[in-house]
N, C-alpha and C. Protein backbone atom coordinates (compact mmCIF):
# COMPACT_ATOMS: atom_id res chain seq x y z
N MET A 1 -0.02 12.63 -0.86
CA MET A 1 -0.54 11.52 0.64
C MET A 1 -1.52 12.48 0.76
N GLU A 2 -2.71 11.60 1.24
CA GLU A 2 -3.67 11.75 2.21
C GLU A 2 -3.65 11.46 3.58
N ASP A 3 -4.84 12.51 4.12
CA ASP A 3 -4.55 12.63 5.34
C ASP A 3 -5.12 11.12 5.85
N ILE A 4 -4.52 10.56 7.08
CA ILE A 4 -5.02 9.52 7.62
C ILE A 4 -5.62 9.71 8.96
N ASP A 5 -7.02 9.16 9.29
CA ASP A 5 -7.81 9.80 10.33
C ASP A 5 -7.14 8.69 11.30
N TRP A 6 -7.12 9.64 12.65
CA TRP A 6 -6.31 9.29 13.64
C TRP A 6 -6.80 7.29 14.19
N ASP A 7 -8.49 7.78 14.21
CA ASP A 7 -9.13 6.40 14.81
C ASP A 7 -8.73 5.52 13.69
N PHE A 8 -8.58 5.14 12.37
CA PHE A 8 -8.55 4.50 11.81
C PHE A 8 -7.32 3.83 11.76
N PHE A 9 -6.29 5.39 12.10
CA PHE A 9 -4.85 4.93 12.31
C PHE A 9 -4.90 3.46 13.44
N TYR A 10 -5.06 4.38 14.36
CA TYR A 10 -5.10 3.71 15.47
C TYR A 10 -5.25 2.40 15.72
N LYS A 11 -6.44 2.01 14.73
CA LYS A 11 -7.06 0.98 15.12
C LYS A 11 -6.12 0.04 14.56
N GLN A 12 -5.53 0.19 13.31
CA GLN A 12 -4.38 -0.81 12.71
C GLN A 12 -3.33 -0.71 13.22
N LEU A 13 -2.93 0.30 13.99
CA LEU A 13 -1.44 -0.17 15.02
C LEU A 13 -2.02 -1.05 16.06
N GLU A 14 -3.35 -0.71 16.91
CA GLU A 14 -3.36 -1.58 17.93
C GLU A 14 -3.70 -3.07 17.62
N ALA A 15 -4.37 -3.21 16.28
CA ALA A 15 -4.41 -4.81 15.74
C ALA A 15 -3.11 -5.28 15.13
N GLY A 16 -1.56 -4.24 15.13
CA GLY A 16 -0.86 -5.32 14.64
C GLY A 16 -0.80 -5.39 13.19
N TYR A 17 -1.96 -4.79 12.87
CA TYR A 17 -2.21 -5.47 11.01
C TYR A 17 -1.66 -4.82 9.81
N HIS A 18 -0.55 -5.12 8.95
CA HIS A 18 -0.30 -4.38 8.08
C HIS A 18 0.59 -3.10 8.02
N ILE A 19 1.18 -3.00 9.48
CA ILE A 19 1.54 -1.34 9.93
C ILE A 19 2.87 -1.34 10.57
N ASP A 20 3.77 -2.60 10.04
CA ASP A 20 5.02 -2.44 10.64
C ASP A 20 5.99 -1.23 9.85
N GLU A 21 7.05 -0.29 10.11
CA GLU A 21 7.37 0.26 9.53
C GLU A 21 6.31 1.23 8.78
N THR A 22 5.93 2.04 9.95
CA THR A 22 5.32 3.49 9.30
C THR A 22 6.42 4.88 9.44
N CYS A 23 6.80 5.39 8.35
CA CYS A 23 7.85 6.16 8.40
C CYS A 23 7.03 7.21 8.26
N PHE A 24 7.35 8.28 9.09
CA PHE A 24 6.64 10.07 8.81
C PHE A 24 7.31 11.23 9.40
N TYR A 25 6.91 12.04 8.93
CA TYR A 25 7.53 13.54 9.73
C TYR A 25 6.59 14.77 10.06
N PHE A 26 7.07 15.33 10.53
CA PHE A 26 5.96 16.59 11.33
C PHE A 26 6.35 17.84 10.52
N SER A 27 4.60 18.03 9.85
CA SER A 27 4.83 19.35 9.15
C SER A 27 5.56 20.68 9.71
N ASP A 28 5.13 20.34 11.06
CA ASP A 28 5.52 21.75 11.71
C ASP A 28 7.35 21.72 11.99
N ASP A 29 8.02 20.69 11.53
CA ASP A 29 9.18 20.06 11.51
C ASP A 29 10.11 21.05 10.60
N ALA A 30 10.80 21.94 10.74
CA ALA A 30 11.56 22.86 9.19
C ALA A 30 12.43 21.40 8.76
N GLU A 31 13.22 20.91 9.43
CA GLU A 31 14.02 20.08 8.86
C GLU A 31 13.12 18.53 8.83
N GLU A 32 12.17 18.30 8.90
CA GLU A 32 11.25 17.01 8.27
C GLU A 32 12.06 15.46 8.58
N GLU A 33 12.35 15.77 9.87
CA GLU A 33 12.81 14.58 10.16
C GLU A 33 12.41 13.33 10.12
N VAL A 34 12.59 12.48 9.68
CA VAL A 34 11.71 11.21 9.55
C VAL A 34 12.14 10.30 10.54
N HIS A 35 10.81 9.63 11.17
CA HIS A 35 10.48 8.81 12.26
C HIS A 35 10.03 7.85 12.00
N TYR A 36 10.17 7.17 12.39
CA TYR A 36 9.84 5.40 12.27
C TYR A 36 9.20 4.99 14.09
N ILE A 37 8.05 4.18 13.43
CA ILE A 37 7.42 3.57 14.69
C ILE A 37 6.89 2.14 13.73
N GLY A 38 6.65 1.21 14.31
CA GLY A 38 6.01 -0.22 13.98
C GLY A 38 5.43 -0.96 14.76
N PHE A 39 5.45 -2.21 14.44
CA PHE A 39 4.75 -3.42 15.20
C PHE A 39 5.35 -4.96 15.29
N ILE A 40 6.10 -5.66 15.84
CA ILE A 40 6.59 -6.65 15.05
C ILE A 40 5.99 -8.03 16.43
N ALA A 41 5.43 -8.65 15.82
CA ALA A 41 4.05 -9.75 16.61
C ALA A 41 5.28 -10.21 18.07
N GLN A 42 6.07 -11.02 17.12
CA GLN A 42 7.09 -12.08 17.94
C GLN A 42 7.78 -11.63 19.18
N TYR A 43 7.61 -10.21 19.46
CA TYR A 43 8.77 -9.66 20.59
C TYR A 43 7.75 -9.50 21.88
N GLU A 44 8.89 -9.59 22.55
CA GLU A 44 7.79 -9.53 24.20
C GLU A 44 6.99 -8.18 24.13
N CYS A 45 7.84 -7.29 23.62
CA CYS A 45 7.36 -5.43 23.50
C CYS A 45 7.07 -4.96 21.87
N PRO A 46 6.45 -5.68 20.98
CA PRO A 46 5.84 -5.45 20.37
C PRO A 46 6.21 -4.28 19.20
N TYR A 47 5.52 -3.06 19.93
CA TYR A 47 5.67 -1.69 19.60
C TYR A 47 6.70 -1.02 19.59
N TRP A 48 7.54 -0.33 18.73
CA TRP A 48 8.56 0.14 18.77
C TRP A 48 8.57 1.61 18.11
N ALA A 49 9.52 2.55 18.67
CA ALA A 49 9.93 3.17 18.14
C ALA A 49 10.93 3.92 17.60
N GLY A 50 11.65 4.13 16.50
CA GLY A 50 13.05 4.66 16.74
C GLY A 50 14.15 3.75 16.11
N TYR A 51 15.28 4.17 16.35
CA TYR A 51 16.79 3.59 16.33
C TYR A 51 17.21 4.18 15.70
N CYS A 52 16.94 4.76 14.48
CA CYS A 52 17.69 5.90 13.77
C CYS A 52 17.60 7.30 14.30
N ASP A 53 16.19 7.76 14.75
CA ASP A 53 15.93 9.14 14.71
C ASP A 53 15.17 9.06 16.29
N ILE A 54 15.71 8.47 17.28
CA ILE A 54 15.14 8.46 18.64
C ILE A 54 16.60 7.64 19.44
N PRO A 55 17.34 7.89 19.80
CA PRO A 55 18.77 6.93 20.08
C PRO A 55 18.04 6.14 21.06
N ASN A 56 18.85 4.84 20.93
CA ASN A 56 18.54 3.89 21.17
C ASN A 56 17.24 3.02 21.06
N GLY A 57 16.38 3.55 20.42
CA GLY A 57 15.29 3.45 20.26
C GLY A 57 14.19 3.62 21.65
N CYS A 58 12.75 3.06 21.48
CA CYS A 58 12.04 2.88 22.34
C CYS A 58 11.20 1.28 21.79
N GLU A 59 10.79 1.06 22.99
CA GLU A 59 9.88 -0.63 22.98
C GLU A 59 8.56 -0.31 23.64
N PHE A 60 7.89 -0.84 23.55
CA PHE A 60 6.12 -0.57 24.64
C PHE A 60 5.62 -1.82 24.71
N SER A 61 4.91 -2.32 25.18
CA SER A 61 3.82 -3.68 24.91
C SER A 61 2.61 -3.15 24.39
N THR A 62 2.04 -1.64 24.70
CA THR A 62 0.99 -1.86 23.58
C THR A 62 0.78 -0.49 23.32
N ALA A 63 0.21 -0.58 22.41
CA ALA A 63 -0.25 0.40 21.04
C ALA A 63 -0.42 1.89 22.01
N GLU A 64 -1.22 1.82 23.00
CA GLU A 64 -1.61 2.93 23.70
C GLU A 64 -0.21 3.59 24.23
N GLU A 65 0.79 2.55 24.76
CA GLU A 65 1.89 3.22 25.30
C GLU A 65 2.74 3.83 24.41
N LEU A 66 2.57 3.30 22.80
CA LEU A 66 3.86 4.16 22.17
C LEU A 66 2.84 5.47 21.71
N VAL A 67 1.76 5.52 21.04
CA VAL A 67 1.25 6.94 21.05
C VAL A 67 1.54 7.75 21.59
N THR A 68 0.99 7.20 23.30
CA THR A 68 1.27 8.41 24.35
C THR A 68 2.25 9.09 25.14
N ALA A 69 3.13 8.07 24.40
CA ALA A 69 4.71 8.55 24.78
C ALA A 69 5.50 9.72 24.76
N PRO A 70 5.81 10.49 25.70
CA PRO A 70 6.41 12.21 24.97
C PRO A 70 7.54 12.29 24.42
N ILE A 71 7.73 11.08 23.26
CA ILE A 71 8.77 11.17 22.70
C ILE A 71 9.33 11.90 21.51
N TYR A 72 8.79 12.64 21.25
CA TYR A 72 8.79 13.59 20.03
C TYR A 72 8.60 14.64 20.46
N ASN A 73 9.98 15.74 21.26
CA ASN A 73 10.30 16.71 21.48
C ASN A 73 9.70 16.94 22.42
N GLY A 74 9.51 16.24 23.86
CA GLY A 74 8.09 16.08 24.93
C GLY A 74 6.86 16.08 24.77
N MET A 75 6.14 15.83 23.41
CA MET A 75 5.34 15.15 22.91
C MET A 75 4.71 14.14 22.63
N SER A 76 3.42 13.52 22.86
CA SER A 76 3.30 12.22 22.05
C SER A 76 3.10 12.27 20.48
N LEU A 77 2.84 11.33 20.02
CA LEU A 77 2.72 11.28 18.73
C LEU A 77 1.36 11.32 18.78
N LYS A 78 0.24 11.38 19.61
CA LYS A 78 -1.22 11.08 19.46
C LYS A 78 -1.74 12.90 19.47
N GLU A 79 -0.85 13.91 20.14
CA GLU A 79 -0.71 15.04 20.55
C GLU A 79 -0.30 15.80 19.33
N ARG A 80 0.31 15.07 18.54
CA ARG A 80 1.69 16.09 17.23
C ARG A 80 0.56 15.28 15.78
N TRP A 81 -0.41 14.63 16.22
CA TRP A 81 -0.93 13.60 15.25
C TRP A 81 -1.56 15.02 13.98
N ASP A 82 -1.97 16.01 14.25
CA ASP A 82 -2.14 16.83 13.26
C ASP A 82 -1.35 17.48 12.23
N ASN A 83 0.01 17.27 12.91
CA ASN A 83 0.99 17.54 12.18
C ASN A 83 1.69 16.47 11.48
N VAL A 84 1.43 15.22 11.61
CA VAL A 84 1.96 13.80 10.90
C VAL A 84 1.66 13.67 9.57
N VAL A 85 2.82 13.80 9.02
CA VAL A 85 2.89 13.41 7.26
C VAL A 85 3.63 11.95 7.21
N ILE A 86 2.56 10.96 7.02
CA ILE A 86 2.91 9.70 6.85
C ILE A 86 3.38 9.42 5.13
N THR A 87 4.97 9.33 5.05
CA THR A 87 5.05 8.84 3.76
C THR A 87 5.07 7.29 3.29
N GLU A 88 5.32 6.75 4.24
CA GLU A 88 5.42 4.94 3.81
C GLU A 88 5.14 4.02 5.12
N ILE A 89 4.24 3.39 4.45
CA ILE A 89 3.74 2.08 5.64
C ILE A 89 3.68 0.84 4.66
N GLU A 90 4.72 0.01 5.84
CA GLU A 90 5.20 -1.34 5.43
C GLU A 90 5.82 -1.55 3.58
N GLY A 91 6.53 -0.04 3.71
CA GLY A 91 7.84 -0.21 2.66
C GLY A 91 7.21 0.18 1.75
N ILE A 92 5.41 0.70 1.65
CA ILE A 92 5.07 1.15 0.52
C ILE A 92 4.62 2.64 0.74
N CYS A 93 3.97 3.46 -0.18
CA CYS A 93 3.39 4.78 -0.29
C CYS A 93 2.30 4.14 0.62
N VAL A 94 1.52 5.39 1.22
CA VAL A 94 0.35 5.57 1.57
C VAL A 94 -0.59 5.07 0.78
N GLU A 95 -0.62 5.47 -0.52
CA GLU A 95 -2.18 5.61 -1.24
C GLU A 95 -1.99 4.28 -1.61
N ASP A 96 -0.95 3.25 -1.70
CA ASP A 96 -0.85 1.77 -2.18
C ASP A 96 -0.97 1.30 -0.59
N TRP A 97 -0.95 1.82 0.17
CA TRP A 97 -1.12 0.63 1.49
C TRP A 97 -2.48 0.50 1.43
N TYR A 98 -3.26 1.71 1.13
CA TYR A 98 -4.97 1.86 1.31
C TYR A 98 -5.33 1.00 0.41
N LYS A 99 -4.76 0.75 -1.04
CA LYS A 99 -5.35 0.35 -2.31
C LYS A 99 -5.21 -1.42 -2.11
N TYR A 100 -3.86 -1.90 -1.76
CA TYR A 100 -3.29 -3.04 -1.95
C TYR A 100 -3.21 -3.87 -0.52
N MET A 101 -3.31 -3.36 0.47
CA MET A 101 -3.47 -3.88 2.13
C MET A 101 -4.75 -3.89 2.78
N ASP A 102 -5.33 -5.51 3.73
CA ASP A 102 -6.38 -5.72 3.97
C ASP A 102 -6.13 -4.53 5.35
N HIS A 103 -7.14 -4.34 6.16
CA HIS A 103 -7.87 -3.67 6.88
C HIS A 103 -8.11 -3.84 7.95
N VAL A 104 -8.47 -3.83 9.03
CA VAL A 104 -9.39 -4.36 10.27
C VAL A 104 -10.62 -2.84 10.55
């Protein structure tokens, strides 16, 4: 898996562009628990996290709220970014996501 630059990833997330259902884990988690975030435009709070990894999940109005929420062991996605390993975006591997999807 290639590393994804924070600024590039955040730009895609903020635009809500080909970014729904992003699957990842934290490299410093021995269990490698899979986490999910995404964007669904038709909802009032289009940014979401969890449901299977975070009890009852979370919904957010903005990308900034999503990435700064301390929902991962008291820390945010942005704070833990150096340990994020993304396995899939939009249901495909990251390499194919880079290759076949348009980006902003």
